[in-house]
Amino acid sequence: MKLFDAGWAPSPRRVRIFLAEKGVEVETVSIDLRTDEQLAPAYLAVNPRGTVPTLLLDNGTVIDESTAICRYFEAVHPEPNLFGQTPVEIALIEGWTRRIESECYAAVENVFRNTVPALRDRALPGKWPPMPQLPELVTRGRIMFDQFVAAADARLGASAHLAGDRFSYADIALVVALDFGRRAGLVPGETRANLARWYSEVSARPSMAA
């Protein structure tokens, strides 16, 4: 199998951290987003969506969403468990992961992709017709981000980790989203003491360097 990766992009980083936590090594192929290699014919033949990461299995199956890729590896390599063991744990990890994707990561992406000059007419990742940047989405993204980090901070005041007492995929998703946010000029703020405590602890994990 091959994992098509991109060094500085947030979604591939989720997978790299997950694999590092699992201690799993996979052959990787680096895709250069700065030269639009993800839109070149050779890569589109693998993933017509033109997005990263992509996992190409030996039987030709293509999995092209970061969470789906991680779920595949969780099934193949169950330990250490990162998606939950009990029904409650599974539900909490799933719930927080979905909130991160729809409220936090989406907020950052709206700000980032609608402000960076190089992404003019490319406000969505992957292969699309021209997509104009919309300033209104920047305003919405900032509001969404602030609301989400307040909710996450409150949650982390009552729990060591986002979905419970132990590290999970939800923590991976959040740290990647927050680091992406910093690149877009979105910072949680010094008053979020619980979030800051959690971020310091999670960022110290060796997997975060992946």
N, C-alpha and C. Protein backbone atom coordinates (compact mmCIF):
# COMPACT_ATOMS: atom_id res chain seq x y z
N MET A 1 0.83 -1.19 0.00
CA MET A 1 0.00 0.00 0.00
C MET A 1 0.87 1.25 0.00
N LYS A 2 0.25 2.36 -0.40
CA LYS A 2 0.96 3.64 -0.43
C LYS A 2 0.07 4.72 0.17
N LEU A 3 0.70 5.60 0.94
CA LEU A 3 0.01 6.75 1.49
C LEU A 3 0.54 7.99 0.79
N PHE A 4 -0.34 8.69 0.09
CA PHE A 4 0.03 9.93 -0.57
C PHE A 4 -0.13 11.06 0.44
N ASP A 5 0.96 11.75 0.70
CA ASP A 5 1.10 12.66 1.82
C ASP A 5 1.47 14.05 1.31
N ALA A 6 1.31 15.04 2.17
CA ALA A 6 1.77 16.40 1.86
C ALA A 6 2.25 17.00 3.17
N GLY A 7 3.51 17.35 3.23
CA GLY A 7 4.17 17.66 4.48
C GLY A 7 3.53 18.72 5.34
N TRP A 8 3.06 19.83 4.76
CA TRP A 8 2.59 20.94 5.60
C TRP A 8 1.08 21.03 5.69
N ALA A 9 0.35 20.18 4.98
CA ALA A 9 -1.11 20.26 5.00
C ALA A 9 -1.68 19.60 6.25
N PRO A 10 -2.77 20.15 6.80
CA PRO A 10 -3.30 19.62 8.06
C PRO A 10 -3.91 18.23 7.99
N SER A 11 -4.68 17.93 6.95
CA SER A 11 -5.34 16.62 6.90
C SER A 11 -4.34 15.46 6.84
N PRO A 12 -3.30 15.52 6.01
CA PRO A 12 -2.30 14.45 6.06
C PRO A 12 -1.61 14.35 7.41
N ARG A 13 -1.48 15.48 8.09
CA ARG A 13 -0.82 15.44 9.41
C ARG A 13 -1.63 14.61 10.41
N ARG A 14 -2.95 14.67 10.33
CA ARG A 14 -3.77 13.83 11.19
C ARG A 14 -3.34 12.36 11.05
N VAL A 15 -3.20 11.93 9.81
CA VAL A 15 -2.87 10.53 9.56
C VAL A 15 -1.47 10.21 10.06
N ARG A 16 -0.51 11.11 9.84
CA ARG A 16 0.85 10.85 10.30
C ARG A 16 0.90 10.72 11.82
N ILE A 17 0.21 11.60 12.53
CA ILE A 17 0.18 11.51 13.99
C ILE A 17 -0.45 10.20 14.42
N PHE A 18 -1.57 9.84 13.80
CA PHE A 18 -2.27 8.61 14.14
C PHE A 18 -1.36 7.40 13.94
N LEU A 19 -0.67 7.33 12.80
CA LEU A 19 0.22 6.20 12.54
C LEU A 19 1.38 6.18 13.53
N ALA A 20 1.88 7.35 13.91
CA ALA A 20 2.97 7.41 14.89
C ALA A 20 2.50 6.88 16.24
N GLU A 21 1.27 7.23 16.63
CA GLU A 21 0.72 6.70 17.88
C GLU A 21 0.58 5.19 17.83
N LYS A 22 0.26 4.67 16.66
CA LYS A 22 0.10 3.23 16.48
C LYS A 22 1.43 2.51 16.32
N GLY A 23 2.47 3.26 15.96
CA GLY A 23 3.74 2.62 15.66
C GLY A 23 3.72 1.88 14.33
N VAL A 24 2.92 2.38 13.39
CA VAL A 24 2.75 1.74 12.08
C VAL A 24 3.51 2.55 11.03
N GLU A 25 4.27 1.86 10.21
CA GLU A 25 5.00 2.50 9.12
C GLU A 25 4.38 2.11 7.79
N VAL A 26 4.20 3.10 6.93
CA VAL A 26 3.58 2.90 5.62
C VAL A 26 4.44 3.60 4.57
N GLU A 27 4.58 2.98 3.41
CA GLU A 27 5.28 3.65 2.32
C GLU A 27 4.53 4.92 1.94
N THR A 28 5.24 6.03 1.86
CA THR A 28 4.60 7.29 1.55
C THR A 28 5.12 7.88 0.24
N VAL A 29 4.25 8.61 -0.41
CA VAL A 29 4.58 9.35 -1.62
C VAL A 29 4.25 10.80 -1.34
N SER A 30 5.23 11.66 -1.42
CA SER A 30 5.03 13.07 -1.12
C SER A 30 4.43 13.81 -2.32
N ILE A 31 3.37 14.55 -2.07
CA ILE A 31 2.72 15.36 -3.10
C ILE A 31 3.00 16.83 -2.78
N ASP A 32 3.55 17.54 -3.75
CA ASP A 32 3.92 18.94 -3.55
C ASP A 32 2.74 19.85 -3.88
N LEU A 33 2.08 20.35 -2.85
CA LEU A 33 0.92 21.21 -3.06
C LEU A 33 1.32 22.58 -3.59
N ARG A 34 2.54 22.98 -3.33
CA ARG A 34 2.97 24.32 -3.77
C ARG A 34 3.09 24.39 -5.29
N THR A 35 3.31 23.25 -5.92
CA THR A 35 3.38 23.21 -7.38
C THR A 35 2.13 22.60 -7.99
N ASP A 36 1.09 22.45 -7.16
CA ASP A 36 -0.19 21.88 -7.60
C ASP A 36 -0.06 20.45 -8.13
N GLU A 37 0.86 19.70 -7.55
CA GLU A 37 1.02 18.31 -7.99
C GLU A 37 -0.25 17.50 -7.74
N GLN A 38 -1.07 17.93 -6.77
CA GLN A 38 -2.30 17.21 -6.47
C GLN A 38 -3.32 17.32 -7.61
N LEU A 39 -3.09 18.27 -8.51
CA LEU A 39 -3.99 18.46 -9.66
C LEU A 39 -3.39 17.96 -10.96
N ALA A 40 -2.21 17.37 -10.89
CA ALA A 40 -1.55 16.83 -12.09
C ALA A 40 -2.22 15.52 -12.49
N PRO A 41 -2.18 15.18 -13.77
CA PRO A 41 -2.84 13.96 -14.26
C PRO A 41 -2.42 12.70 -13.52
N ALA A 42 -1.14 12.59 -13.16
CA ALA A 42 -0.67 11.37 -12.51
C ALA A 42 -1.36 11.15 -11.17
N TYR A 43 -1.53 12.24 -10.39
CA TYR A 43 -2.19 12.08 -9.10
C TYR A 43 -3.70 11.95 -9.24
N LEU A 44 -4.28 12.69 -10.19
CA LEU A 44 -5.72 12.59 -10.40
C LEU A 44 -6.13 11.20 -10.86
N ALA A 45 -5.19 10.47 -11.46
CA ALA A 45 -5.48 9.09 -11.84
C ALA A 45 -5.64 8.21 -10.60
N VAL A 46 -5.01 8.61 -9.51
CA VAL A 46 -5.15 7.88 -8.24
C VAL A 46 -6.37 8.39 -7.48
N ASN A 47 -6.47 9.70 -7.34
CA ASN A 47 -7.57 10.33 -6.60
C ASN A 47 -8.14 11.47 -7.45
N PRO A 48 -9.22 11.23 -8.17
CA PRO A 48 -9.79 12.25 -9.04
C PRO A 48 -10.24 13.50 -8.31
N ARG A 49 -10.41 13.42 -6.99
CA ARG A 49 -10.80 14.61 -6.22
C ARG A 49 -9.65 15.60 -6.09
N GLY A 50 -8.43 15.12 -6.24
CA GLY A 50 -7.28 16.02 -6.13
C GLY A 50 -7.02 16.50 -4.73
N THR A 51 -7.32 15.68 -3.74
CA THR A 51 -7.10 16.04 -2.34
C THR A 51 -6.09 15.09 -1.71
N VAL A 52 -5.52 15.51 -0.60
CA VAL A 52 -4.62 14.66 0.19
C VAL A 52 -5.13 14.65 1.62
N PRO A 53 -4.90 13.55 2.34
CA PRO A 53 -4.14 12.36 1.96
C PRO A 53 -4.99 11.37 1.17
N THR A 54 -4.31 10.41 0.57
CA THR A 54 -4.97 9.29 -0.09
C THR A 54 -4.22 8.02 0.26
N LEU A 55 -4.96 6.99 0.64
CA LEU A 55 -4.37 5.68 0.89
C LEU A 55 -4.76 4.76 -0.25
N LEU A 56 -3.77 4.23 -0.93
CA LEU A 56 -3.97 3.29 -2.02
C LEU A 56 -3.60 1.90 -1.54
N LEU A 57 -4.59 1.02 -1.41
CA LEU A 57 -4.34 -0.34 -0.94
C LEU A 57 -3.79 -1.21 -2.06
N ASP A 58 -3.23 -2.34 -1.68
CA ASP A 58 -2.61 -3.22 -2.67
C ASP A 58 -3.61 -3.77 -3.67
N ASN A 59 -4.89 -3.85 -3.28
CA ASN A 59 -5.90 -4.37 -4.21
C ASN A 59 -6.51 -3.28 -5.08
N GLY A 60 -5.98 -2.06 -4.98
CA GLY A 60 -6.45 -0.95 -5.79
C GLY A 60 -7.50 -0.07 -5.14
N THR A 61 -7.97 -0.45 -3.95
CA THR A 61 -8.95 0.37 -3.23
C THR A 61 -8.33 1.70 -2.82
N VAL A 62 -9.08 2.77 -3.01
CA VAL A 62 -8.62 4.11 -2.66
C VAL A 62 -9.47 4.64 -1.50
N ILE A 63 -8.80 5.09 -0.45
CA ILE A 63 -9.46 5.73 0.69
C ILE A 63 -8.90 7.14 0.76
N ASP A 64 -9.77 8.14 0.64
CA ASP A 64 -9.24 9.50 0.46
C ASP A 64 -9.78 10.53 1.44
N GLU A 65 -10.11 10.11 2.65
CA GLU A 65 -10.45 11.04 3.72
C GLU A 65 -9.59 10.68 4.93
N SER A 66 -9.06 11.68 5.62
CA SER A 66 -8.10 11.40 6.69
C SER A 66 -8.71 10.55 7.81
N THR A 67 -9.93 10.87 8.23
CA THR A 67 -10.55 10.07 9.29
C THR A 67 -10.83 8.66 8.83
N ALA A 68 -11.28 8.50 7.59
CA ALA A 68 -11.53 7.17 7.05
C ALA A 68 -10.24 6.35 6.98
N ILE A 69 -9.15 6.99 6.60
CA ILE A 69 -7.85 6.31 6.57
C ILE A 69 -7.47 5.84 7.97
N CYS A 70 -7.67 6.70 8.94
CA CYS A 70 -7.33 6.34 10.32
C CYS A 70 -8.23 5.22 10.83
N ARG A 71 -9.49 5.22 10.45
CA ARG A 71 -10.39 4.14 10.86
C ARG A 71 -9.94 2.81 10.24
N TYR A 72 -9.45 2.86 9.02
CA TYR A 72 -8.93 1.64 8.39
C TYR A 72 -7.78 1.08 9.22
N PHE A 73 -6.84 1.94 9.58
CA PHE A 73 -5.69 1.46 10.34
C PHE A 73 -6.08 1.04 11.76
N GLU A 74 -7.10 1.66 12.32
CA GLU A 74 -7.59 1.24 13.63
C GLU A 74 -8.11 -0.20 13.56
N ALA A 75 -8.80 -0.52 12.46
CA ALA A 75 -9.34 -1.88 12.31
C ALA A 75 -8.24 -2.90 12.09
N VAL A 76 -7.21 -2.49 11.35
CA VAL A 76 -6.10 -3.41 11.06
C VAL A 76 -5.16 -3.53 12.25
N HIS A 77 -4.96 -2.42 12.96
CA HIS A 77 -4.06 -2.39 14.12
C HIS A 77 -4.85 -1.84 15.32
N PRO A 78 -5.61 -2.69 16.02
CA PRO A 78 -6.54 -2.21 17.06
C PRO A 78 -5.88 -1.54 18.26
N GLU A 79 -4.62 -1.84 18.52
CA GLU A 79 -3.97 -1.28 19.71
C GLU A 79 -2.78 -0.42 19.33
N PRO A 80 -2.56 0.69 20.05
CA PRO A 80 -3.44 1.24 21.09
C PRO A 80 -4.73 1.78 20.50
N ASN A 81 -5.81 1.59 21.21
CA ASN A 81 -7.11 2.02 20.74
C ASN A 81 -7.22 3.54 20.77
N LEU A 82 -7.69 4.12 19.66
CA LEU A 82 -7.81 5.57 19.58
C LEU A 82 -9.20 6.04 19.18
N PHE A 83 -10.09 5.11 18.85
CA PHE A 83 -11.46 5.47 18.46
C PHE A 83 -12.51 5.02 19.47
N GLY A 84 -12.07 4.48 20.61
CA GLY A 84 -13.01 4.13 21.66
C GLY A 84 -13.20 2.63 21.82
N GLN A 85 -13.45 2.22 23.05
CA GLN A 85 -13.67 0.81 23.36
C GLN A 85 -15.09 0.55 23.86
N THR A 86 -15.58 1.37 24.78
CA THR A 86 -16.93 1.20 25.28
C THR A 86 -17.90 1.98 24.39
N PRO A 87 -19.20 1.64 24.43
CA PRO A 87 -20.17 2.40 23.64
C PRO A 87 -20.14 3.90 23.91
N VAL A 88 -20.02 4.27 25.18
CA VAL A 88 -19.98 5.69 25.53
C VAL A 88 -18.73 6.35 24.96
N GLU A 89 -17.59 5.68 25.12
CA GLU A 89 -16.33 6.25 24.63
C GLU A 89 -16.36 6.41 23.11
N ILE A 90 -16.85 5.40 22.41
CA ILE A 90 -16.95 5.47 20.95
C ILE A 90 -17.82 6.65 20.54
N ALA A 91 -18.95 6.82 21.22
CA ALA A 91 -19.88 7.90 20.87
C ALA A 91 -19.27 9.27 21.15
N LEU A 92 -18.58 9.42 22.28
CA LEU A 92 -17.98 10.72 22.61
C LEU A 92 -16.87 11.09 21.64
N ILE A 93 -16.04 10.13 21.28
CA ILE A 93 -14.96 10.41 20.33
C ILE A 93 -15.55 10.78 18.98
N GLU A 94 -16.57 10.05 18.55
CA GLU A 94 -17.21 10.35 17.27
C GLU A 94 -17.86 11.72 17.30
N GLY A 95 -18.56 12.01 18.39
CA GLY A 95 -19.24 13.29 18.49
C GLY A 95 -18.31 14.47 18.47
N TRP A 96 -17.23 14.39 19.25
CA TRP A 96 -16.27 15.50 19.28
C TRP A 96 -15.52 15.61 17.96
N THR A 97 -15.21 14.49 17.35
CA THR A 97 -14.53 14.55 16.05
C THR A 97 -15.39 15.26 15.02
N ARG A 98 -16.66 14.94 14.99
CA ARG A 98 -17.57 15.59 14.04
C ARG A 98 -17.69 17.09 14.34
N ARG A 99 -17.74 17.44 15.62
CA ARG A 99 -17.82 18.86 15.96
C ARG A 99 -16.55 19.60 15.54
N ILE A 100 -15.41 18.97 15.75
CA ILE A 100 -14.14 19.59 15.34
C ILE A 100 -14.15 19.84 13.84
N GLU A 101 -14.58 18.85 13.08
CA GLU A 101 -14.56 18.97 11.63
C GLU A 101 -15.54 20.03 11.13
N SER A 102 -16.75 20.06 11.72
CA SER A 102 -17.79 20.95 11.20
C SER A 102 -17.76 22.36 11.80
N GLU A 103 -17.19 22.50 13.01
CA GLU A 103 -17.21 23.80 13.67
C GLU A 103 -15.84 24.45 13.76
N CYS A 104 -14.80 23.66 14.06
CA CYS A 104 -13.47 24.23 14.25
C CYS A 104 -12.64 24.20 12.97
N TYR A 105 -12.44 23.00 12.43
CA TYR A 105 -11.63 22.89 11.21
C TYR A 105 -12.29 23.65 10.06
N ALA A 106 -13.61 23.52 9.93
CA ALA A 106 -14.31 24.23 8.86
C ALA A 106 -14.17 25.74 9.02
N ALA A 107 -14.19 26.21 10.27
CA ALA A 107 -14.02 27.64 10.52
C ALA A 107 -12.65 28.12 10.07
N VAL A 108 -11.62 27.35 10.44
CA VAL A 108 -10.26 27.73 10.05
C VAL A 108 -10.12 27.70 8.53
N GLU A 109 -10.65 26.67 7.91
CA GLU A 109 -10.54 26.56 6.46
C GLU A 109 -11.24 27.72 5.76
N ASN A 110 -12.38 28.14 6.30
CA ASN A 110 -13.07 29.29 5.71
C ASN A 110 -12.22 30.54 5.78
N VAL A 111 -11.58 30.76 6.91
CA VAL A 111 -10.73 31.94 7.05
C VAL A 111 -9.51 31.83 6.14
N PHE A 112 -8.84 30.68 6.21
CA PHE A 112 -7.60 30.50 5.46
C PHE A 112 -7.82 30.59 3.95
N ARG A 113 -8.77 29.81 3.46
CA ARG A 113 -8.93 29.72 2.01
C ARG A 113 -9.60 30.94 1.39
N ASN A 114 -10.22 31.77 2.23
CA ASN A 114 -10.86 32.97 1.70
C ASN A 114 -10.06 34.24 1.95
N THR A 115 -8.83 34.09 2.45
CA THR A 115 -7.97 35.26 2.67
C THR A 115 -6.63 35.16 1.96
N VAL A 116 -6.13 33.95 1.72
CA VAL A 116 -4.80 33.80 1.12
C VAL A 116 -4.86 34.19 -0.36
N PRO A 117 -4.08 35.18 -0.79
CA PRO A 117 -4.14 35.63 -2.18
C PRO A 117 -3.88 34.53 -3.20
N ALA A 118 -2.99 33.60 -2.88
CA ALA A 118 -2.66 32.53 -3.82
C ALA A 118 -3.82 31.59 -4.07
N LEU A 119 -4.84 31.65 -3.21
CA LEU A 119 -6.00 30.76 -3.36
C LEU A 119 -7.19 31.47 -4.00
N ARG A 120 -6.94 32.58 -4.63
CA ARG A 120 -8.01 33.27 -5.35
C ARG A 120 -8.63 32.33 -6.39
N ASP A 121 -9.93 32.24 -6.38
CA ASP A 121 -10.70 31.33 -7.24
C ASP A 121 -10.44 29.86 -6.93
N ARG A 122 -9.86 29.61 -5.73
CA ARG A 122 -9.62 28.23 -5.31
C ARG A 122 -9.99 28.10 -3.83
N ALA A 123 -11.18 28.55 -3.52
CA ALA A 123 -11.60 28.61 -2.12
C ALA A 123 -11.98 27.25 -1.54
N LEU A 124 -11.97 26.22 -2.35
CA LEU A 124 -12.18 24.86 -1.88
C LEU A 124 -10.98 24.00 -2.26
N PRO A 125 -10.56 23.09 -1.39
CA PRO A 125 -9.42 22.23 -1.74
C PRO A 125 -9.81 21.19 -2.78
N GLY A 126 -8.85 20.81 -3.60
CA GLY A 126 -9.09 19.77 -4.58
C GLY A 126 -9.45 20.31 -5.95
N LYS A 127 -9.93 19.42 -6.79
CA LYS A 127 -10.24 19.77 -8.18
C LYS A 127 -11.69 20.22 -8.30
N TRP A 128 -11.88 21.52 -8.52
CA TRP A 128 -13.19 22.12 -8.67
C TRP A 128 -13.14 23.14 -9.81
N PRO A 129 -14.29 23.53 -10.32
CA PRO A 129 -14.31 24.73 -11.18
C PRO A 129 -13.88 25.92 -10.33
N PRO A 130 -13.62 27.07 -10.93
CA PRO A 130 -13.21 28.23 -10.14
C PRO A 130 -14.19 28.52 -9.00
N MET A 131 -13.64 28.64 -7.80
CA MET A 131 -14.43 28.92 -6.60
C MET A 131 -13.96 30.25 -6.01
N PRO A 132 -14.77 31.29 -6.10
CA PRO A 132 -14.34 32.61 -5.63
C PRO A 132 -14.21 32.66 -4.11
N GLN A 133 -13.32 33.50 -3.64
CA GLN A 133 -13.20 33.77 -2.21
C GLN A 133 -14.35 34.67 -1.77
N LEU A 134 -14.90 34.36 -0.59
CA LEU A 134 -16.05 35.11 -0.08
C LEU A 134 -15.69 35.72 1.27
N PRO A 135 -15.56 37.03 1.35
CA PRO A 135 -15.21 37.68 2.63
C PRO A 135 -16.19 37.36 3.75
N GLU A 136 -17.45 37.15 3.43
CA GLU A 136 -18.45 36.84 4.46
C GLU A 136 -18.10 35.54 5.20
N LEU A 137 -17.48 34.61 4.50
CA LEU A 137 -17.12 33.35 5.14
C LEU A 137 -15.96 33.53 6.13
N VAL A 138 -15.15 34.55 5.92
CA VAL A 138 -14.08 34.85 6.88
C VAL A 138 -14.70 35.32 8.19
N THR A 139 -15.67 36.20 8.09
CA THR A 139 -16.37 36.68 9.29
C THR A 139 -17.05 35.52 10.01
N ARG A 140 -17.75 34.69 9.26
CA ARG A 140 -18.42 33.54 9.86
C ARG A 140 -17.40 32.60 10.50
N GLY A 141 -16.28 32.37 9.82
CA GLY A 141 -15.27 31.46 10.35
C GLY A 141 -14.70 31.93 11.67
N ARG A 142 -14.46 33.21 11.80
CA ARG A 142 -13.93 33.75 13.06
C ARG A 142 -14.93 33.56 14.20
N ILE A 143 -16.19 33.78 13.92
CA ILE A 143 -17.22 33.59 14.94
C ILE A 143 -17.30 32.12 15.35
N MET A 144 -17.32 31.23 14.37
CA MET A 144 -17.40 29.80 14.64
C MET A 144 -16.21 29.33 15.47
N PHE A 145 -15.03 29.80 15.11
CA PHE A 145 -13.82 29.39 15.82
C PHE A 145 -13.88 29.80 17.29
N ASP A 146 -14.24 31.05 17.53
CA ASP A 146 -14.31 31.54 18.91
C ASP A 146 -15.32 30.75 19.73
N GLN A 147 -16.47 30.45 19.14
CA GLN A 147 -17.50 29.70 19.85
C GLN A 147 -17.03 28.28 20.15
N PHE A 148 -16.35 27.67 19.19
CA PHE A 148 -15.92 26.30 19.41
C PHE A 148 -14.85 26.22 20.49
N VAL A 149 -13.86 27.09 20.45
CA VAL A 149 -12.79 26.98 21.44
C VAL A 149 -13.32 27.26 22.84
N ALA A 150 -14.35 28.07 22.95
CA ALA A 150 -14.97 28.29 24.27
C ALA A 150 -15.60 26.99 24.76
N ALA A 151 -16.29 26.27 23.87
CA ALA A 151 -16.91 25.00 24.24
C ALA A 151 -15.85 23.95 24.59
N ALA A 152 -14.77 23.91 23.81
CA ALA A 152 -13.70 22.96 24.08
C ALA A 152 -13.01 23.26 25.40
N ASP A 153 -12.81 24.54 25.69
CA ASP A 153 -12.19 24.93 26.95
C ASP A 153 -13.06 24.50 28.13
N ALA A 154 -14.36 24.68 28.01
CA ALA A 154 -15.27 24.26 29.07
C ALA A 154 -15.22 22.75 29.27
N ARG A 155 -15.20 22.03 28.17
CA ARG A 155 -15.13 20.57 28.25
C ARG A 155 -13.85 20.12 28.93
N LEU A 156 -12.74 20.75 28.58
CA LEU A 156 -11.44 20.35 29.14
C LEU A 156 -11.26 20.81 30.58
N GLY A 157 -12.19 21.60 31.07
CA GLY A 157 -12.19 21.92 32.49
C GLY A 157 -12.76 20.79 33.33
N ALA A 158 -13.46 19.87 32.66
CA ALA A 158 -14.08 18.75 33.37
C ALA A 158 -13.51 17.40 32.95
N SER A 159 -12.60 17.40 31.99
CA SER A 159 -12.07 16.15 31.44
C SER A 159 -10.62 16.33 31.06
N ALA A 160 -9.79 15.33 31.31
CA ALA A 160 -8.37 15.42 30.98
C ALA A 160 -8.15 15.55 29.49
N HIS A 161 -8.98 14.84 28.73
CA HIS A 161 -8.89 14.89 27.27
C HIS A 161 -10.27 15.21 26.71
N LEU A 162 -10.31 15.47 25.44
CA LEU A 162 -11.54 16.00 24.86
C LEU A 162 -12.71 15.03 24.98
N ALA A 163 -12.47 13.75 24.75
CA ALA A 163 -13.56 12.77 24.76
C ALA A 163 -13.55 11.88 26.00
N GLY A 164 -12.74 12.22 26.99
CA GLY A 164 -12.69 11.40 28.20
C GLY A 164 -11.36 11.54 28.92
N ASP A 165 -11.02 10.51 29.66
CA ASP A 165 -9.82 10.55 30.49
C ASP A 165 -8.55 10.15 29.76
N ARG A 166 -8.67 9.67 28.51
CA ARG A 166 -7.46 9.24 27.81
C ARG A 166 -7.38 9.87 26.42
N PHE A 167 -6.18 9.88 25.89
CA PHE A 167 -5.91 10.43 24.57
C PHE A 167 -6.64 9.63 23.50
N SER A 168 -7.23 10.34 22.53
CA SER A 168 -7.97 9.66 21.46
C SER A 168 -7.81 10.41 20.14
N TYR A 169 -8.46 9.87 19.13
CA TYR A 169 -8.42 10.51 17.82
C TYR A 169 -8.99 11.93 17.87
N ALA A 170 -9.96 12.16 18.75
CA ALA A 170 -10.52 13.51 18.86
C ALA A 170 -9.45 14.53 19.25
N ASP A 171 -8.51 14.12 20.11
CA ASP A 171 -7.42 15.02 20.49
C ASP A 171 -6.50 15.30 19.30
N ILE A 172 -6.25 14.28 18.50
CA ILE A 172 -5.44 14.48 17.29
C ILE A 172 -6.12 15.48 16.38
N ALA A 173 -7.41 15.28 16.14
CA ALA A 173 -8.15 16.18 15.24
C ALA A 173 -8.12 17.62 15.74
N LEU A 174 -8.24 17.80 17.05
CA LEU A 174 -8.28 19.17 17.58
C LEU A 174 -6.92 19.84 17.53
N VAL A 175 -5.86 19.16 17.91
CA VAL A 175 -4.56 19.81 17.90
C VAL A 175 -4.17 20.20 16.47
N VAL A 176 -4.51 19.37 15.50
CA VAL A 176 -4.22 19.71 14.10
C VAL A 176 -5.03 20.92 13.66
N ALA A 177 -6.31 20.96 14.05
CA ALA A 177 -7.15 22.09 13.69
C ALA A 177 -6.65 23.39 14.32
N LEU A 178 -6.22 23.33 15.58
CA LEU A 178 -5.72 24.53 16.25
C LEU A 178 -4.42 25.02 15.64
N ASP A 179 -3.54 24.09 15.31
CA ASP A 179 -2.28 24.49 14.67
C ASP A 179 -2.54 25.09 13.29
N PHE A 180 -3.50 24.53 12.56
CA PHE A 180 -3.91 25.11 11.29
C PHE A 180 -4.48 26.51 11.52
N GLY A 181 -5.23 26.67 12.61
CA GLY A 181 -5.80 27.97 12.93
C GLY A 181 -4.74 29.04 13.14
N ARG A 182 -3.65 28.66 13.78
CA ARG A 182 -2.58 29.63 14.01
C ARG A 182 -2.03 30.15 12.68
N ARG A 183 -1.96 29.28 11.69
CA ARG A 183 -1.48 29.71 10.37
C ARG A 183 -2.46 30.68 9.72
N ALA A 184 -3.72 30.61 10.12
CA ALA A 184 -4.74 31.51 9.58
C ALA A 184 -4.94 32.74 10.46
N GLY A 185 -4.11 32.87 11.51
CA GLY A 185 -4.22 34.01 12.40
C GLY A 185 -5.27 33.85 13.48
N LEU A 186 -5.73 32.62 13.69
CA LEU A 186 -6.74 32.34 14.71
C LEU A 186 -6.06 31.71 15.91
N VAL A 187 -6.11 32.39 17.04
CA VAL A 187 -5.46 31.92 18.27
C VAL A 187 -6.52 31.84 19.36
N PRO A 188 -6.59 30.73 20.10
CA PRO A 188 -7.64 30.56 21.11
C PRO A 188 -7.70 31.66 22.16
N GLY A 189 -6.57 32.25 22.52
CA GLY A 189 -6.58 33.31 23.52
C GLY A 189 -6.04 32.85 24.86
N GLU A 190 -5.40 33.74 25.56
CA GLU A 190 -4.73 33.40 26.82
C GLU A 190 -5.72 33.05 27.94
N THR A 191 -6.99 33.44 27.80
CA THR A 191 -7.95 33.17 28.86
C THR A 191 -8.45 31.74 28.84
N ARG A 192 -8.13 30.97 27.81
CA ARG A 192 -8.60 29.59 27.72
C ARG A 192 -7.61 28.68 28.45
N ALA A 193 -7.64 28.73 29.77
CA ALA A 193 -6.63 28.04 30.57
C ALA A 193 -6.72 26.52 30.43
N ASN A 194 -7.92 25.98 30.38
CA ASN A 194 -8.07 24.53 30.26
C ASN A 194 -7.56 24.03 28.92
N LEU A 195 -7.89 24.77 27.88
CA LEU A 195 -7.44 24.41 26.54
C LEU A 195 -5.92 24.53 26.45
N ALA A 196 -5.35 25.56 27.07
CA ALA A 196 -3.90 25.74 27.06
C ALA A 196 -3.20 24.59 27.78
N ARG A 197 -3.76 24.16 28.91
CA ARG A 197 -3.19 23.02 29.65
C ARG A 197 -3.19 21.78 28.78
N TRP A 198 -4.33 21.50 28.19
CA TRP A 198 -4.47 20.32 27.32
C TRP A 198 -3.50 20.42 26.13
N TYR A 199 -3.45 21.59 25.49
CA TYR A 199 -2.60 21.75 24.31
C TYR A 199 -1.14 21.50 24.64
N SER A 200 -0.68 22.01 25.77
CA SER A 200 0.71 21.81 26.19
C SER A 200 1.01 20.33 26.39
N GLU A 201 0.11 19.62 27.04
CA GLU A 201 0.33 18.20 27.30
C GLU A 201 0.31 17.38 26.01
N VAL A 202 -0.67 17.63 25.18
CA VAL A 202 -0.80 16.85 23.94
C VAL A 202 0.33 17.16 22.97
N SER A 203 0.72 18.41 22.88
CA SER A 203 1.79 18.80 21.95
C SER A 203 3.13 18.19 22.32
N ALA A 204 3.28 17.77 23.58
CA ALA A 204 4.54 17.17 24.04
C ALA A 204 4.65 15.70 23.65
N ARG A 205 3.61 15.11 23.12
CA ARG A 205 3.66 13.71 22.73
C ARG A 205 4.60 13.55 21.54
N PRO A 206 5.43 12.52 21.51
CA PRO A 206 6.38 12.33 20.41
C PRO A 206 5.71 12.27 19.04
N SER A 207 4.49 11.76 18.98
CA SER A 207 3.78 11.61 17.70
C SER A 207 3.53 12.94 17.02
N MET A 208 3.49 14.04 17.78
CA MET A 208 3.18 15.34 17.21
C MET A 208 4.26 15.84 16.26
N ALA A 209 5.42 15.24 16.32
CA ALA A 209 6.50 15.63 15.42
C ALA A 209 6.41 14.92 14.08
N ALA A 210 5.42 14.04 13.94
CA ALA A 210 5.32 13.25 12.69
C ALA A 210 4.96 14.13 11.51
